[in-house]
Amino acid sequence: LVEKIDENNFKVWVKESAKEGRANASVIKLLADYFKVAKSDIQIIHGLKSKRKLIEIS
């Protein structure tokens, strides 16, 4: 689920656990689908091990 908070901030919920990067991979896939871009265009800049993340979409 992706919820737009404002122009640059979104809340994202995924079901996958944070183990072995599965949740991060799920966030990337979900955002790629939401913004209609390739998964390779999305990068987690900050927060790989945190619930709060800074993500760049190129």
N, C-alpha and C. Protein backbone atom coordinates (compact mmCIF):
# COMPACT_ATOMS: atom_id res chain seq x y z
N LEU A 1 0.84 -1.18 0.00
CA LEU A 1 0.00 0.00 0.00
C LEU A 1 0.89 1.24 0.00
N VAL A 2 0.57 2.19 -0.84
CA VAL A 2 1.30 3.46 -0.90
C VAL A 2 0.31 4.58 -0.63
N GLU A 3 0.64 5.42 0.35
CA GLU A 3 -0.20 6.58 0.68
C GLU A 3 0.61 7.85 0.49
N LYS A 4 0.10 8.75 -0.34
CA LYS A 4 0.79 10.02 -0.59
C LYS A 4 0.49 10.97 0.57
N ILE A 5 1.54 11.46 1.22
CA ILE A 5 1.42 12.41 2.33
C ILE A 5 1.45 13.83 1.79
N ASP A 6 2.43 14.13 0.98
CA ASP A 6 2.52 15.41 0.29
C ASP A 6 3.34 15.19 -0.98
N GLU A 7 3.75 16.25 -1.63
CA GLU A 7 4.43 16.15 -2.92
C GLU A 7 5.65 15.22 -2.91
N ASN A 8 6.39 15.20 -1.79
CA ASN A 8 7.63 14.43 -1.74
C ASN A 8 7.66 13.33 -0.69
N ASN A 9 6.57 13.12 0.03
CA ASN A 9 6.56 12.14 1.11
C ASN A 9 5.42 11.15 0.95
N PHE A 10 5.77 9.89 1.16
CA PHE A 10 4.81 8.80 1.01
C PHE A 10 4.98 7.83 2.17
N LYS A 11 3.89 7.18 2.55
CA LYS A 11 3.95 6.06 3.49
C LYS A 11 3.75 4.80 2.68
N VAL A 12 4.58 3.80 2.97
CA VAL A 12 4.51 2.54 2.24
C VAL A 12 4.44 1.40 3.26
N TRP A 13 3.50 0.49 3.03
CA TRP A 13 3.36 -0.69 3.88
C TRP A 13 3.58 -1.93 3.04
N VAL A 14 4.40 -2.85 3.57
CA VAL A 14 4.61 -4.14 2.91
C VAL A 14 4.44 -5.25 3.94
N LYS A 15 4.14 -6.45 3.47
CA LYS A 15 3.91 -7.60 4.36
C LYS A 15 5.19 -8.36 4.67
N GLU A 16 6.20 -8.22 3.83
CA GLU A 16 7.43 -8.98 3.99
C GLU A 16 8.18 -8.56 5.25
N SER A 17 8.89 -9.51 5.83
CA SER A 17 9.70 -9.21 7.01
C SER A 17 10.97 -8.49 6.58
N ALA A 18 11.61 -7.87 7.56
CA ALA A 18 12.83 -7.11 7.28
C ALA A 18 14.05 -8.02 7.15
N LYS A 19 13.89 -9.30 7.31
CA LYS A 19 15.01 -10.23 7.23
C LYS A 19 15.53 -10.35 5.80
N GLU A 20 16.85 -10.36 5.70
CA GLU A 20 17.56 -10.57 4.43
C GLU A 20 17.16 -9.58 3.34
N GLY A 21 16.73 -8.38 3.72
CA GLY A 21 16.41 -7.33 2.76
C GLY A 21 15.11 -7.53 2.00
N ARG A 22 14.28 -8.49 2.44
CA ARG A 22 13.04 -8.76 1.72
C ARG A 22 12.08 -7.58 1.75
N ALA A 23 11.99 -6.90 2.88
CA ALA A 23 11.08 -5.74 2.97
C ALA A 23 11.56 -4.62 2.06
N ASN A 24 12.86 -4.36 2.03
CA ASN A 24 13.39 -3.32 1.15
C ASN A 24 13.13 -3.65 -0.31
N ALA A 25 13.31 -4.89 -0.69
CA ALA A 25 13.04 -5.30 -2.07
C ALA A 25 11.56 -5.12 -2.41
N SER A 26 10.71 -5.40 -1.44
CA SER A 26 9.28 -5.24 -1.66
C SER A 26 8.90 -3.77 -1.79
N VAL A 27 9.53 -2.91 -0.99
CA VAL A 27 9.29 -1.47 -1.09
C VAL A 27 9.70 -0.96 -2.47
N ILE A 28 10.84 -1.40 -2.95
CA ILE A 28 11.32 -0.98 -4.27
C ILE A 28 10.35 -1.43 -5.36
N LYS A 29 9.90 -2.68 -5.30
CA LYS A 29 8.96 -3.18 -6.30
C LYS A 29 7.64 -2.42 -6.25
N LEU A 30 7.14 -2.17 -5.04
CA LEU A 30 5.87 -1.46 -4.88
C LEU A 30 5.97 -0.04 -5.44
N LEU A 31 7.06 0.66 -5.12
CA LEU A 31 7.23 2.02 -5.63
C LEU A 31 7.44 2.04 -7.15
N ALA A 32 8.14 1.05 -7.67
CA ALA A 32 8.33 0.97 -9.13
C ALA A 32 6.98 0.82 -9.82
N ASP A 33 6.12 -0.01 -9.27
CA ASP A 33 4.78 -0.17 -9.84
C ASP A 33 3.97 1.11 -9.69
N TYR A 34 4.06 1.74 -8.54
CA TYR A 34 3.28 2.96 -8.25
C TYR A 34 3.66 4.10 -9.20
N PHE A 35 4.97 4.30 -9.39
CA PHE A 35 5.46 5.40 -10.23
C PHE A 35 5.67 4.99 -11.70
N LYS A 36 5.42 3.72 -12.00
CA LYS A 36 5.57 3.20 -13.36
C LYS A 36 6.98 3.42 -13.91
N VAL A 37 7.96 3.01 -13.11
CA VAL A 37 9.37 3.07 -13.51
C VAL A 37 9.98 1.69 -13.27
N ALA A 38 11.17 1.48 -13.79
CA ALA A 38 11.88 0.23 -13.57
C ALA A 38 12.39 0.16 -12.14
N LYS A 39 12.48 -1.05 -11.60
CA LYS A 39 13.01 -1.21 -10.24
C LYS A 39 14.43 -0.66 -10.15
N SER A 40 15.18 -0.76 -11.25
CA SER A 40 16.56 -0.27 -11.26
C SER A 40 16.63 1.26 -11.16
N ASP A 41 15.52 1.95 -11.36
CA ASP A 41 15.47 3.41 -11.25
C ASP A 41 15.23 3.87 -9.81
N ILE A 42 15.04 2.94 -8.89
CA ILE A 42 14.75 3.28 -7.50
C ILE A 42 15.90 2.83 -6.62
N GLN A 43 16.37 3.73 -5.77
CA GLN A 43 17.50 3.43 -4.90
C GLN A 43 17.21 3.93 -3.50
N ILE A 44 17.47 3.08 -2.51
CA ILE A 44 17.34 3.49 -1.11
C ILE A 44 18.64 4.20 -0.74
N ILE A 45 18.55 5.51 -0.50
CA ILE A 45 19.72 6.34 -0.22
C ILE A 45 20.11 6.26 1.26
N HIS A 46 19.10 6.22 2.12
CA HIS A 46 19.34 6.22 3.57
C HIS A 46 18.24 5.39 4.23
N GLY A 47 18.61 4.60 5.23
CA GLY A 47 17.62 3.86 6.00
C GLY A 47 17.46 2.41 5.60
N LEU A 48 18.50 1.78 5.10
CA LEU A 48 18.40 0.37 4.71
C LEU A 48 17.94 -0.51 5.87
N LYS A 49 18.31 -0.15 7.09
CA LYS A 49 17.94 -0.96 8.26
C LYS A 49 16.96 -0.23 9.16
N SER A 50 16.24 0.72 8.63
CA SER A 50 15.31 1.53 9.41
C SER A 50 13.93 1.52 8.75
N LYS A 51 12.91 1.82 9.54
CA LYS A 51 11.56 1.94 8.97
C LYS A 51 11.43 3.21 8.14
N ARG A 52 12.19 4.25 8.47
CA ARG A 52 12.16 5.51 7.73
C ARG A 52 13.28 5.48 6.70
N LYS A 53 12.93 5.74 5.45
CA LYS A 53 13.90 5.64 4.37
C LYS A 53 13.88 6.89 3.50
N LEU A 54 15.01 7.18 2.93
CA LEU A 54 15.12 8.21 1.90
C LEU A 54 15.36 7.47 0.59
N ILE A 55 14.47 7.68 -0.35
CA ILE A 55 14.52 6.93 -1.60
C ILE A 55 14.62 7.90 -2.77
N GLU A 56 15.51 7.56 -3.70
CA GLU A 56 15.69 8.37 -4.90
C GLU A 56 15.11 7.62 -6.09
N ILE A 57 14.34 8.34 -6.90
CA ILE A 57 13.78 7.77 -8.12
C ILE A 57 14.34 8.56 -9.29
N SER A 58 15.07 7.86 -10.17
CA SER A 58 15.70 8.57 -11.29
C SER A 58 14.99 8.27 -12.59
